Amino acid sequence: MTFSGLEANTEYTFKLLSARANAYGTGFDGTYSMTYGVDSLAGGGSHDMGGSGAGLNATEYTWTFTTGDTAENAVIDLSGSWNLNAVTIDSVAVAAVPEPSSTALLGVSGLALILRRRR
């Protein structure tokens, strides 16, 4: 999966949810990685969503990174073997993390409005 349109000098959090029903195999056995530009953001490993009986097993993968002066595409790559009848990747979320000073300014502004209304 490739994500484009990222803004420069912005911190992003990517979340990906992978799930399977227990009766349909052991899940993903391979590597996962995310790259931003030429930088690798996460390593690999074996991710077993095992279990038995009815139900749903899920794994959430999270990557956080900050873009540079020029924003590039971010790429999520899942490679390996899947022991499933079907593969479902759901709930891919991309969110810019608010800058702490902006959040603090918003909080101070809200406090000022509350104090002003009390007078």
PDB file of N, CA and C in Angstrom:
ATOM      1  N   MET A   1       0.842  -1.156   0.000  1.00  0.00           N
ATOM      2  CA  MET A   1       0.000   0.000   0.000  1.00  0.00           C
ATOM      3  C   MET A   1       0.893   1.226   0.000  1.00  0.00           C
ATOM      4  N   THR A   2       0.558   2.167  -0.825  1.00  0.00           N
ATOM      5  CA  THR A   2       1.316   3.408  -0.899  1.00  0.00           C
ATOM      6  C   THR A   2       0.422   4.570  -0.482  1.00  0.00           C
ATOM      7  N   PHE A   3       0.941   5.423   0.377  1.00  0.00           N
ATOM      8  CA  PHE A   3       0.222   6.609   0.823  1.00  0.00           C
ATOM      9  C   PHE A   3       0.950   7.833   0.298  1.00  0.00           C
ATOM     10  N   SER A   4       0.235   8.670  -0.425  1.00  0.00           N
ATOM     11  CA  SER A   4       0.840   9.883  -0.969  1.00  0.00           C
ATOM     12  C   SER A   4       0.070  11.095  -0.449  1.00  0.00           C
ATOM     13  N   GLY A   5       0.557  12.284  -0.767  1.00  0.00           N
ATOM     14  CA  GLY A   5      -0.102  13.503  -0.318  1.00  0.00           C
ATOM     15  C   GLY A   5       0.229  13.874   1.115  1.00  0.00           C
ATOM     16  N   LEU A   6       1.330  13.340   1.642  1.00  0.00           N
ATOM     17  CA  LEU A   6       1.741  13.671   3.002  1.00  0.00           C
ATOM     18  C   LEU A   6       2.320  15.080   3.026  1.00  0.00           C
ATOM     19  N   GLU A   7       2.088  15.794   4.119  1.00  0.00           N
ATOM     20  CA  GLU A   7       2.602  17.151   4.254  1.00  0.00           C
ATOM     21  C   GLU A   7       4.021  17.136   4.818  1.00  0.00           C
ATOM     22  N   ALA A   8       4.823  18.116   4.408  1.00  0.00           N
ATOM     23  CA  ALA A   8       6.202  18.233   4.892  1.00  0.00           C
ATOM     24  C   ALA A   8       6.212  18.653   6.361  1.00  0.00           C
ATOM     25  N   ASN A   9       7.265  18.261   7.078  1.00  0.00           N
ATOM     26  CA  ASN A   9       7.486  18.634   8.485  1.00  0.00           C
ATOM     27  C   ASN A   9       6.282  18.327   9.375  1.00  0.00           C
ATOM     28  N   THR A  10       5.719  17.144   9.217  1.00  0.00           N
ATOM     29  CA  THR A  10       4.537  16.742   9.979  1.00  0.00           C
ATOM     30  C   THR A  10       4.755  15.342  10.535  1.00  0.00           C
ATOM     31  N   GLU A  11       4.354  15.130  11.794  1.00  0.00           N
ATOM     32  CA  GLU A  11       4.444  13.796  12.384  1.00  0.00           C
ATOM     33  C   GLU A  11       3.167  13.029  12.051  1.00  0.00           C
ATOM     34  N   TYR A  12       3.338  11.792  11.578  1.00  0.00           N
ATOM     35  CA  TYR A  12       2.211  10.944  11.200  1.00  0.00           C
ATOM     36  C   TYR A  12       2.234   9.656  12.000  1.00  0.00           C
ATOM     37  N   THR A  13       1.058   9.135  12.263  1.00  0.00           N
ATOM     38  CA  THR A  13       0.901   7.806  12.833  1.00  0.00           C
ATOM     39  C   THR A  13       0.063   6.986  11.869  1.00  0.00           C
ATOM     40  N   PHE A  14       0.594   5.836  11.457  1.00  0.00           N
ATOM     41  CA  PHE A  14      -0.111   4.902  10.588  1.00  0.00           C
ATOM     42  C   PHE A  14      -0.514   3.704  11.435  1.00  0.00           C
ATOM     43  N   LYS A  15      -1.754   3.288  11.325  1.00  0.00           N
ATOM     44  CA  LYS A  15      -2.226   2.091  12.023  1.00  0.00           C
ATOM     45  C   LYS A  15      -2.894   1.177  11.010  1.00  0.00           C
ATOM     46  N   LEU A  16      -2.586  -0.107  11.115  1.00  0.00           N
ATOM     47  CA  LEU A  16      -3.153  -1.107  10.221  1.00  0.00           C
ATOM     48  C   LEU A  16      -3.654  -2.263  11.072  1.00  0.00           C
ATOM     49  N   LEU A  17      -4.872  -2.703  10.835  1.00  0.00           N
ATOM     50  CA  LEU A  17      -5.463  -3.805  11.580  1.00  0.00           C
ATOM     51  C   LEU A  17      -5.615  -5.000  10.661  1.00  0.00           C
ATOM     52  N   SER A  18      -5.091  -6.147  11.080  1.00  0.00           N
ATOM     53  CA  SER A  18      -5.214  -7.393  10.331  1.00  0.00           C
ATOM     54  C   SER A  18      -5.915  -8.397  11.235  1.00  0.00           C
ATOM     55  N   ALA A  19      -6.892  -9.124  10.691  1.00  0.00           N
ATOM     56  CA  ALA A  19      -7.664 -10.035  11.527  1.00  0.00           C
ATOM     57  C   ALA A  19      -8.016 -11.302  10.772  1.00  0.00           C
ATOM     58  N   ARG A  20      -8.353 -12.339  11.523  1.00  0.00           N
ATOM     59  CA  ARG A  20      -8.807 -13.595  10.940  1.00  0.00           C
ATOM     60  C   ARG A  20      -9.722 -14.307  11.932  1.00  0.00           C
ATOM     61  N   ALA A  21     -10.607 -15.133  11.394  1.00  0.00           N
ATOM     62  CA  ALA A  21     -11.440 -15.988  12.239  1.00  0.00           C
ATOM     63  C   ALA A  21     -10.587 -17.177  12.672  1.00  0.00           C
ATOM     64  N   ASN A  22     -10.747 -17.664  13.884  1.00  0.00           N
ATOM     65  CA  ASN A  22      -9.893 -18.722  14.429  1.00  0.00           C
ATOM     66  C   ASN A  22      -9.895 -20.000  13.618  1.00  0.00           C
ATOM     67  N   ALA A  23     -10.972 -20.328  12.982  1.00  0.00           N
ATOM     68  CA  ALA A  23     -11.070 -21.610  12.287  1.00  0.00           C
ATOM     69  C   ALA A  23     -10.358 -21.632  10.943  1.00  0.00           C
ATOM     70  N   TYR A  24      -9.757 -20.538  10.526  1.00  0.00           N
ATOM     71  CA  TYR A  24      -9.240 -20.461   9.159  1.00  0.00           C
ATOM     72  C   TYR A  24      -7.729 -20.395   9.047  1.00  0.00           C
ATOM     73  N   GLY A  25      -6.964 -20.908   9.965  1.00  0.00           N
ATOM     74  CA  GLY A  25      -5.517 -20.944   9.803  1.00  0.00           C
ATOM     75  C   GLY A  25      -4.788 -20.193  10.894  1.00  0.00           C
ATOM     76  N   THR A  26      -3.463 -20.184  10.788  1.00  0.00           N
ATOM     77  CA  THR A  26      -2.654 -19.580  11.847  1.00  0.00           C
ATOM     78  C   THR A  26      -2.308 -18.129  11.594  1.00  0.00           C
ATOM     79  N   GLY A  27      -2.654 -17.592  10.456  1.00  0.00           N
ATOM     80  CA  GLY A  27      -2.427 -16.176  10.237  1.00  0.00           C
ATOM     81  C   GLY A  27      -1.228 -15.891   9.371  1.00  0.00           C
ATOM     82  N   PHE A  28      -0.550 -14.816   9.652  1.00  0.00           N
ATOM     83  CA  PHE A  28       0.536 -14.301   8.835  1.00  0.00           C
ATOM     84  C   PHE A  28       1.866 -14.752   9.408  1.00  0.00           C
ATOM     85  N   ASP A  29       2.707 -15.346   8.574  1.00  0.00           N
ATOM     86  CA  ASP A  29       4.042 -15.749   8.991  1.00  0.00           C
ATOM     87  C   ASP A  29       5.008 -15.185   7.968  1.00  0.00           C
ATOM     88  N   GLY A  30       5.625 -14.093   8.267  1.00  0.00           N
ATOM     89  CA  GLY A  30       6.513 -13.456   7.304  1.00  0.00           C
ATOM     90  C   GLY A  30       7.040 -12.161   7.870  1.00  0.00           C
ATOM     91  N   THR A  31       7.236 -11.192   7.033  1.00  0.00           N
ATOM     92  CA  THR A  31       7.769  -9.921   7.489  1.00  0.00           C
ATOM     93  C   THR A  31       6.817  -8.798   7.125  1.00  0.00           C
ATOM     94  N   TYR A  32       6.898  -7.752   7.905  1.00  0.00           N
ATOM     95  CA  TYR A  32       6.170  -6.543   7.580  1.00  0.00           C
ATOM     96  C   TYR A  32       7.157  -5.395   7.690  1.00  0.00           C
ATOM     97  N   SER A  33       6.969  -4.391   6.909  1.00  0.00           N
ATOM     98  CA  SER A  33       7.822  -3.218   7.027  1.00  0.00           C
ATOM     99  C   SER A  33       7.082  -2.011   6.497  1.00  0.00           C
ATOM    100  N   MET A  34       7.535  -0.861   6.906  1.00  0.00           N
ATOM    101  CA  MET A  34       7.021   0.383   6.359  1.00  0.00           C
ATOM    102  C   MET A  34       8.214   1.232   6.008  1.00  0.00           C
ATOM    103  N   THR A  35       8.185   1.848   4.851  1.00  0.00           N
ATOM    104  CA  THR A  35       9.272   2.732   4.456  1.00  0.00           C
ATOM    105  C   THR A  35       8.715   4.110   4.157  1.00  0.00           C
ATOM    106  N   TYR A  36       9.514   5.097   4.486  1.00  0.00           N
ATOM    107  CA  TYR A  36       9.190   6.474   4.145  1.00  0.00           C
ATOM    108  C   TYR A  36      10.418   7.022   3.454  1.00  0.00           C
ATOM    109  N   GLY A  37      10.302   7.327   2.171  1.00  0.00           N
ATOM    110  CA  GLY A  37      11.473   7.710   1.401  1.00  0.00           C
ATOM    111  C   GLY A  37      12.421   6.531   1.342  1.00  0.00           C
ATOM    112  N   VAL A  38      13.648   6.702   1.808  1.00  0.00           N
ATOM    113  CA  VAL A  38      14.612   5.603   1.807  1.00  0.00           C
ATOM    114  C   VAL A  38      14.793   5.012   3.199  1.00  0.00           C
ATOM    115  N   ASP A  39      14.057   5.511   4.194  1.00  0.00           N
ATOM    116  CA  ASP A  39      14.218   5.060   5.571  1.00  0.00           C
ATOM    117  C   ASP A  39      13.250   3.927   5.888  1.00  0.00           C
ATOM    118  N   SER A  40      13.764   2.856   6.495  1.00  0.00           N
ATOM    119  CA  SER A  40      12.914   1.763   6.950  1.00  0.00           C
ATOM    120  C   SER A  40      12.406   2.118   8.337  1.00  0.00           C
ATOM    121  N   LEU A  41      11.101   2.022   8.547  1.00  0.00           N
ATOM    122  CA  LEU A  41      10.507   2.470   9.799  1.00  0.00           C
ATOM    123  C   LEU A  41      10.161   1.341  10.754  1.00  0.00           C
ATOM    124  N   ALA A  42      10.113   0.107  10.264  1.00  0.00           N
ATOM    125  CA  ALA A  42       9.756  -1.003  11.152  1.00  0.00           C
ATOM    126  C   ALA A  42      10.394  -2.277  10.649  1.00  0.00           C
ATOM    127  N   GLY A  43      10.744  -3.154  11.562  1.00  0.00           N
ATOM    128  CA  GLY A  43      11.359  -4.420  11.199  1.00  0.00           C
ATOM    129  C   GLY A  43      10.326  -5.494  10.935  1.00  0.00           C
ATOM    130  N   GLY A  44      10.806  -6.696  10.734  1.00  0.00           N
ATOM    131  CA  GLY A  44       9.911  -7.797  10.414  1.00  0.00           C
ATOM    132  C   GLY A  44       9.794  -8.768  11.564  1.00  0.00           C
ATOM    133  N   GLY A  45       9.301  -9.921  11.240  1.00  0.00           N
ATOM    134  CA  GLY A  45       9.148 -10.951  12.238  1.00  0.00           C
ATOM    135  C   GLY A  45       7.963 -11.817  11.898  1.00  0.00           C
ATOM    136  N   SER A  46       7.764 -12.838  12.690  1.00  0.00           N
ATOM    137  CA  SER A  46       6.633 -13.731  12.486  1.00  0.00           C
ATOM    138  C   SER A  46       5.487 -13.271  13.369  1.00  0.00           C
ATOM    139  N   HIS A  47       4.338 -13.153  12.801  1.00  0.00           N
ATOM    140  CA  HIS A  47       3.179 -12.671  13.547  1.00  0.00           C
ATOM    141  C   HIS A  47       2.085 -13.717  13.454  1.00  0.00           C
ATOM    142  N   ASP A  48       1.938 -14.505  14.501  1.00  0.00           N
ATOM    143  CA  ASP A  48       0.975 -15.597  14.524  1.00  0.00           C
ATOM    144  C   ASP A  48      -0.298 -15.127  15.202  1.00  0.00           C
ATOM    145  N   MET A  49      -1.377 -15.092  14.449  1.00  0.00           N
ATOM    146  CA  MET A  49      -2.674 -14.768  15.022  1.00  0.00           C
ATOM    147  C   MET A  49      -3.387 -16.076  15.307  1.00  0.00           C
ATOM    148  N   GLY A  50      -2.740 -16.948  16.063  1.00  0.00           N
ATOM    149  CA  GLY A  50      -3.256 -18.286  16.320  1.00  0.00           C
ATOM    150  C   GLY A  50      -4.399 -18.289  17.308  1.00  0.00           C
ATOM    151  N   GLY A  51      -4.905 -19.462  17.561  1.00  0.00           N
ATOM    152  CA  GLY A  51      -6.010 -19.630  18.485  1.00  0.00           C
ATOM    153  C   GLY A  51      -6.847 -20.798  18.039  1.00  0.00           C
ATOM    154  N   SER A  52      -7.842 -21.125  18.809  1.00  0.00           N
ATOM    155  CA  SER A  52      -8.719 -22.219  18.421  1.00  0.00           C
ATOM    156  C   SER A  52     -10.142 -21.862  18.804  1.00  0.00           C
ATOM    157  N   GLY A  53     -11.072 -22.522  18.163  1.00  0.00           N
ATOM    158  CA  GLY A  53     -12.474 -22.280  18.457  1.00  0.00           C
ATOM    159  C   GLY A  53     -13.003 -21.058  17.741  1.00  0.00           C
ATOM    160  N   ALA A  54     -14.203 -20.670  18.094  1.00  0.00           N
ATOM    161  CA  ALA A  54     -14.852 -19.531  17.445  1.00  0.00           C
ATOM    162  C   ALA A  54     -14.249 -18.234  17.948  1.00  0.00           C
ATOM    163  N   GLY A  55     -14.359 -17.221  17.158  1.00  0.00           N
ATOM    164  CA  GLY A  55     -13.878 -15.913  17.564  1.00  0.00           C
ATOM    165  C   GLY A  55     -13.033 -15.274  16.494  1.00  0.00           C
ATOM    166  N   LEU A  56     -12.493 -14.137  16.816  1.00  0.00           N
ATOM    167  CA  LEU A  56     -11.700 -13.366  15.870  1.00  0.00           C
ATOM    168  C   LEU A  56     -10.413 -12.939  16.549  1.00  0.00           C
ATOM    169  N   ASN A  57      -9.288 -13.200  15.905  1.00  0.00           N
ATOM    170  CA  ASN A  57      -7.999 -12.730  16.401  1.00  0.00           C
ATOM    171  C   ASN A  57      -7.553 -11.578  15.525  1.00  0.00           C
ATOM    172  N   ALA A  58      -7.000 -10.553  16.120  1.00  0.00           N
ATOM    173  CA  ALA A  58      -6.579  -9.385  15.355  1.00  0.00           C
ATOM    174  C   ALA A  58      -5.240  -8.889  15.875  1.00  0.00           C
ATOM    175  N   THR A  59      -4.478  -8.286  14.991  1.00  0.00           N
ATOM    176  CA  THR A  59      -3.204  -7.674  15.338  1.00  0.00           C
ATOM    177  C   THR A  59      -3.184  -6.276  14.753  1.00  0.00           C
ATOM    178  N   GLU A  60      -2.762  -5.297  15.559  1.00  0.00           N
ATOM    179  CA  GLU A  60      -2.652  -3.925  15.073  1.00  0.00           C
ATOM    180  C   GLU A  60      -1.175  -3.584  14.942  1.00  0.00           C
ATOM    181  N   TYR A  61      -0.806  -3.044  13.811  1.00  0.00           N
ATOM    182  CA  TYR A  61       0.562  -2.598  13.549  1.00  0.00           C
ATOM    183  C   TYR A  61       0.549  -1.076  13.549  1.00  0.00           C
ATOM    184  N   THR A  62       1.513  -0.454  14.224  1.00  0.00           N
ATOM    185  CA  THR A  62       1.558   1.001  14.321  1.00  0.00           C
ATOM    186  C   THR A  62       2.954   1.498  13.978  1.00  0.00           C
ATOM    187  N   TRP A  63       3.023   2.535  13.146  1.00  0.00           N
ATOM    188  CA  TRP A  63       4.276   3.195  12.801  1.00  0.00           C
ATOM    189  C   TRP A  63       4.093   4.689  13.001  1.00  0.00           C
ATOM    190  N   THR A  64       5.082   5.354  13.597  1.00  0.00           N
ATOM    191  CA  THR A  64       5.061   6.805  13.757  1.00  0.00           C
ATOM    192  C   THR A  64       6.348   7.363  13.174  1.00  0.00           C
ATOM    193  N   PHE A  65       6.225   8.415  12.386  1.00  0.00           N
ATOM    194  CA  PHE A  65       7.404   9.043  11.800  1.00  0.00           C
ATOM    195  C   PHE A  65       7.101  10.498  11.490  1.00  0.00           C
ATOM    196  N   THR A  66       8.158  11.280  11.275  1.00  0.00           N
ATOM    197  CA  THR A  66       8.030  12.691  10.929  1.00  0.00           C
ATOM    198  C   THR A  66       8.589  12.908   9.539  1.00  0.00           C
ATOM    199  N   THR A  67       7.824  13.596   8.715  1.00  0.00           N
ATOM    200  CA  THR A  67       8.285  13.894   7.360  1.00  0.00           C
ATOM    201  C   THR A  67       9.350  14.978   7.412  1.00  0.00           C
ATOM    202  N   GLY A  68      10.145  15.053   6.378  1.00  0.00           N
ATOM    203  CA  GLY A  68      11.198  16.057   6.292  1.00  0.00           C
ATOM    204  C   GLY A  68      10.706  17.322   5.605  1.00  0.00           C
ATOM    205  N   ASP A  69      11.658  18.078   5.067  1.00  0.00           N
ATOM    206  CA  ASP A  69      11.325  19.324   4.380  1.00  0.00           C
ATOM    207  C   ASP A  69      10.471  19.088   3.142  1.00  0.00           C
ATOM    208  N   THR A  70      10.674  17.962   2.486  1.00  0.00           N
ATOM    209  CA  THR A  70       9.839  17.605   1.341  1.00  0.00           C
ATOM    210  C   THR A  70       9.179  16.269   1.646  1.00  0.00           C
ATOM    211  N   ALA A  71       7.869  16.227   1.528  1.00  0.00           N
ATOM    212  CA  ALA A  71       7.131  15.002   1.841  1.00  0.00           C
ATOM    213  C   ALA A  71       7.256  14.008   0.698  1.00  0.00           C
ATOM    214  N   GLU A  72       7.429  12.736   1.040  1.00  0.00           N
ATOM    215  CA  GLU A  72       7.487  11.657   0.061  1.00  0.00           C
ATOM    216  C   GLU A  72       6.373  10.671   0.365  1.00  0.00           C
ATOM    217  N   ASN A  73       6.249   9.663  -0.471  1.00  0.00           N
ATOM    218  CA  ASN A  73       5.256   8.623  -0.235  1.00  0.00           C
ATOM    219  C   ASN A  73       5.709   7.700   0.886  1.00  0.00           C
ATOM    220  N   ALA A  74       4.765   7.130   1.616  1.00  0.00           N
ATOM    221  CA  ALA A  74       5.036   6.085   2.595  1.00  0.00           C
ATOM    222  C   ALA A  74       4.467   4.787   2.037  1.00  0.00           C
ATOM    223  N   VAL A  75       5.195   3.676   2.228  1.00  0.00           N
ATOM    224  CA  VAL A  75       4.795   2.393   1.655  1.00  0.00           C
ATOM    225  C   VAL A  75       4.763   1.339   2.753  1.00  0.00           C
ATOM    226  N   ILE A  76       3.658   0.596   2.844  1.00  0.00           N
ATOM    227  CA  ILE A  76       3.560  -0.553   3.743  1.00  0.00           C
ATOM    228  C   ILE A  76       3.687  -1.800   2.889  1.00  0.00           C
ATOM    229  N   ASP A  77       4.597  -2.709   3.284  1.00  0.00           N
ATOM    230  CA  ASP A  77       4.834  -3.934   2.525  1.00  0.00           C
ATOM    231  C   ASP A  77       4.680  -5.131   3.453  1.00  0.00           C
ATOM    232  N   LEU A  78       3.780  -6.031   3.102  1.00  0.00           N
ATOM    233  CA  LEU A  78       3.617  -7.285   3.834  1.00  0.00           C
ATOM    234  C   LEU A  78       4.035  -8.399   2.895  1.00  0.00           C
ATOM    235  N   SER A  79       5.063  -9.155   3.282  1.00  0.00           N
ATOM    236  CA  SER A  79       5.498 -10.252   2.426  1.00  0.00           C
ATOM    237  C   SER A  79       5.738 -11.477   3.289  1.00  0.00           C
ATOM    238  N   GLY A  80       5.374 -12.616   2.785  1.00  0.00           N
ATOM    239  CA  GLY A  80       5.516 -13.849   3.539  1.00  0.00           C
ATOM    240  C   GLY A  80       4.426 -14.811   3.143  1.00  0.00           C
ATOM    241  N   SER A  81       4.092 -15.714   4.029  1.00  0.00           N
ATOM    242  CA  SER A  81       3.041 -16.679   3.725  1.00  0.00           C
ATOM    243  C   SER A  81       1.827 -16.401   4.597  1.00  0.00           C
ATOM    244  N   TRP A  82       0.687 -16.614   4.015  1.00  0.00           N
ATOM    245  CA  TRP A  82      -0.574 -16.430   4.721  1.00  0.00           C
ATOM    246  C   TRP A  82      -1.270 -17.776   4.774  1.00  0.00           C
ATOM    247  N   ASN A  83      -1.593 -18.249   5.939  1.00  0.00           N
ATOM    248  CA  ASN A  83      -2.292 -19.519   6.096  1.00  0.00           C
ATOM    249  C   ASN A  83      -3.771 -19.216   6.329  1.00  0.00           C
ATOM    250  N   LEU A  84      -4.399 -18.678   5.312  1.00  0.00           N
ATOM    251  CA  LEU A  84      -5.783 -18.245   5.424  1.00  0.00           C
ATOM    252  C   LEU A  84      -6.539 -18.597   4.154  1.00  0.00           C
ATOM    253  N   ASN A  85      -7.856 -18.700   4.254  1.00  0.00           N
ATOM    254  CA  ASN A  85      -8.676 -18.832   3.055  1.00  0.00           C
ATOM    255  C   ASN A  85      -8.810 -17.493   2.354  1.00  0.00           C
ATOM    256  N   ALA A  86      -8.724 -16.429   3.101  1.00  0.00           N
ATOM    257  CA  ALA A  86      -8.823 -15.083   2.543  1.00  0.00           C
ATOM    258  C   ALA A  86      -8.020 -14.142   3.426  1.00  0.00           C
ATOM    259  N   VAL A  87      -7.517 -13.085   2.853  1.00  0.00           N
ATOM    260  CA  VAL A  87      -6.756 -12.086   3.591  1.00  0.00           C
ATOM    261  C   VAL A  87      -7.579 -10.815   3.647  1.00  0.00           C
ATOM    262  N   THR A  88      -7.729 -10.268   4.832  1.00  0.00           N
ATOM    263  CA  THR A  88      -8.462  -9.023   4.985  1.00  0.00           C
ATOM    264  C   THR A  88      -7.604  -8.044   5.767  1.00  0.00           C
ATOM    265  N   ILE A  89      -7.396  -6.905   5.196  1.00  0.00           N
ATOM    266  CA  ILE A  89      -6.728  -5.808   5.890  1.00  0.00           C
ATOM    267  C   ILE A  89      -7.765  -4.713   6.004  1.00  0.00           C
ATOM    268  N   ASP A  90      -8.005  -4.264   7.222  1.00  0.00           N
ATOM    269  CA  ASP A  90      -9.082  -3.323   7.461  1.00  0.00           C
ATOM    270  C   ASP A  90      -8.573  -2.212   8.362  1.00  0.00           C
ATOM    271  N   SER A  91      -9.304  -1.147   8.389  1.00  0.00           N
ATOM    272  CA  SER A  91      -9.040  -0.048   9.313  1.00  0.00           C
ATOM    273  C   SER A  91      -7.631   0.500   9.168  1.00  0.00           C
ATOM    274  N   VAL A  92      -7.254   0.842   7.953  1.00  0.00           N
ATOM    275  CA  VAL A  92      -5.978   1.520   7.744  1.00  0.00           C
ATOM    276  C   VAL A  92      -6.215   2.988   8.054  1.00  0.00           C
ATOM    277  N   ALA A  93      -5.516   3.515   9.035  1.00  0.00           N
ATOM    278  CA  ALA A  93      -5.719   4.899   9.455  1.00  0.00           C
ATOM    279  C   ALA A  93      -4.419   5.672   9.326  1.00  0.00           C
ATOM    280  N   VAL A  94      -4.506   6.850   8.769  1.00  0.00           N
ATOM    281  CA  VAL A  94      -3.368   7.752   8.652  1.00  0.00           C
ATOM    282  C   VAL A  94      -3.770   9.042   9.346  1.00  0.00           C
ATOM    283  N   ALA A  95      -3.013   9.456  10.350  1.00  0.00           N
ATOM    284  CA  ALA A  95      -3.377  10.659  11.092  1.00  0.00           C
ATOM    285  C   ALA A  95      -2.149  11.511  11.346  1.00  0.00           C
ATOM    286  N   ALA A  96      -2.283  12.795  11.072  1.00  0.00           N
ATOM    287  CA  ALA A  96      -1.228  13.738  11.421  1.00  0.00           C
ATOM    288  C   ALA A  96      -1.338  14.006  12.919  1.00  0.00           C
ATOM    289  N   VAL A  97      -0.246  13.882  13.631  1.00  0.00           N
ATOM    290  CA  VAL A  97      -0.226  14.097  15.072  1.00  0.00           C
ATOM    291  C   VAL A  97      -0.099  15.595  15.318  1.00  0.00           C
ATOM    292  N   PRO A  98      -1.002  16.181  16.135  1.00  0.00           N
ATOM    293  CA  PRO A  98      -0.923  17.624  16.357  1.00  0.00           C
ATOM    294  C   PRO A  98       0.376  18.019  17.055  1.00  0.00           C
ATOM    295  N   GLU A  99       0.895  19.136  16.667  1.00  0.00           N
ATOM    296  CA  GLU A  99       2.112  19.672  17.265  1.00  0.00           C
ATOM    297  C   GLU A  99       1.802  20.074  18.711  1.00  0.00           C
ATOM    298  N   PRO A 100       2.667  19.751  19.679  1.00  0.00           N
ATOM    299  CA  PRO A 100       2.366  20.056  21.083  1.00  0.00           C
ATOM    300  C   PRO A 100       2.093  21.536  21.340  1.00  0.00           C
ATOM    301  N   SER A 101       2.814  22.436  20.693  1.00  0.00           N
ATOM    302  CA  SER A 101       2.591  23.859  20.940  1.00  0.00           C
ATOM    303  C   SER A 101       1.231  24.296  20.417  1.00  0.00           C
ATOM    304  N   SER A 102       0.769  23.720  19.314  1.00  0.00           N
ATOM    305  CA  SER A 102      -0.560  24.043  18.788  1.00  0.00           C
ATOM    306  C   SER A 102      -1.642  23.559  19.737  1.00  0.00           C
ATOM    307  N   THR A 103      -1.454  22.369  20.282  1.00  0.00           N
ATOM    308  CA  THR A 103      -2.421  21.818  21.226  1.00  0.00           C
ATOM    309  C   THR A 103      -2.458  22.663  22.496  1.00  0.00           C
ATOM    310  N   ALA A 104      -1.311  23.092  22.989  1.00  0.00           N
ATOM    311  CA  ALA A 104      -1.248  23.932  24.185  1.00  0.00           C
ATOM    312  C   ALA A 104      -1.926  25.275  23.934  1.00  0.00           C
ATOM    313  N   LEU A 105      -1.707  25.866  22.767  1.00  0.00           N
ATOM    314  CA  LEU A 105      -2.329  27.142  22.423  1.00  0.00           C
ATOM    315  C   LEU A 105      -3.843  26.999  22.379  1.00  0.00           C
ATOM    316  N   LEU A 106      -4.321  25.906  21.839  1.00  0.00           N
ATOM    317  CA  LEU A 106      -5.757  25.652  21.792  1.00  0.00           C
ATOM    318  C   LEU A 106      -6.321  25.521  23.207  1.00  0.00           C
ATOM    319  N   GLY A 107      -5.609  24.848  24.098  1.00  0.00           N
ATOM    320  CA  GLY A 107      -6.051  24.705  25.484  1.00  0.00           C
ATOM    321  C   GLY A 107      -6.092  26.031  26.218  1.00  0.00           C
ATOM    322  N   VAL A 108      -5.083  26.870  26.035  1.00  0.00           N
ATOM    323  CA  VAL A 108      -5.043  28.190  26.676  1.00  0.00           C
ATOM    324  C   VAL A 108      -6.176  29.055  26.147  1.00  0.00           C
ATOM    325  N   SER A 109      -6.450  28.982  24.849  1.00  0.00           N
ATOM    326  CA  SER A 109      -7.548  29.757  24.256  1.00  0.00           C
ATOM    327  C   SER A 109      -8.886  29.334  24.849  1.00  0.00           C
ATOM    328  N   GLY A 110      -9.086  28.029  25.006  1.00  0.00           N
ATOM    329  CA  GLY A 110     -10.326  27.535  25.608  1.00  0.00           C
ATOM    330  C   GLY A 110     -10.477  27.996  27.040  1.00  0.00           C
ATOM    331  N   LEU A 111      -9.397  27.976  27.804  1.00  0.00           N
ATOM    332  CA  LEU A 111      -9.423  28.441  29.189  1.00  0.00           C
ATOM    333  C   LEU A 111      -9.759  29.923  29.251  1.00  0.00           C
ATOM    334  N   ALA A 112      -9.192  30.721  28.348  1.00  0.00           N
ATOM    335  CA  ALA A 112      -9.478  32.157  28.310  1.00  0.00           C
ATOM    336  C   ALA A 112     -10.957  32.408  28.024  1.00  0.00           C
ATOM    337  N   LEU A 113     -11.546  31.643  27.132  1.00  0.00           N
ATOM    338  CA  LEU A 113     -12.976  31.799  26.836  1.00  0.00           C
ATOM    339  C   LEU A 113     -13.838  31.448  28.044  1.00  0.00           C
ATOM    340  N   ILE A 114     -13.475  30.397  28.757  1.00  0.00           N
ATOM    341  CA  ILE A 114     -14.237  30.001  29.947  1.00  0.00           C
ATOM    342  C   ILE A 114     -14.156  31.087  31.013  1.00  0.00           C
ATOM    343  N   LEU A 115     -12.959  31.620  31.268  1.00  0.00           N
ATOM    344  CA  LEU A 115     -12.791  32.667  32.278  1.00  0.00           C
ATOM    345  C   LEU A 115     -13.510  33.944  31.872  1.00  0.00           C
ATOM    346  N   ARG A 116     -13.529  34.256  30.598  1.00  0.00           N
ATOM    347  CA  ARG A 116     -14.198  35.471  30.117  1.00  0.00           C
ATOM    348  C   ARG A 116     -15.707  35.355  30.313  1.00  0.00           C
ATOM    349  N   ARG A 117     -16.262  34.186  30.107  1.00  0.00           N
ATOM    350  CA  ARG A 117     -17.711  33.997  30.259  1.00  0.00           C
ATOM    351  C   ARG A 117     -18.141  34.080  31.722  1.00  0.00           C
ATOM    352  N   ARG A 118     -17.252  33.784  32.638  1.00  0.00           N
ATOM    353  CA  ARG A 118     -17.593  33.843  34.064  1.00  0.00           C
ATOM    354  C   ARG A 118     -17.768  35.281  34.531  1.00  0.00           C
ATOM    355  N   ARG A 119     -17.123  36.227  33.896  1.00  0.00           N
ATOM    356  CA  ARG A 119     -17.194  37.635  34.322  1.00  0.00           C
ATOM    357  C   ARG A 119     -18.477  38.175  33.908  1.00  0.00           C
TER     358      ARG A 119
END
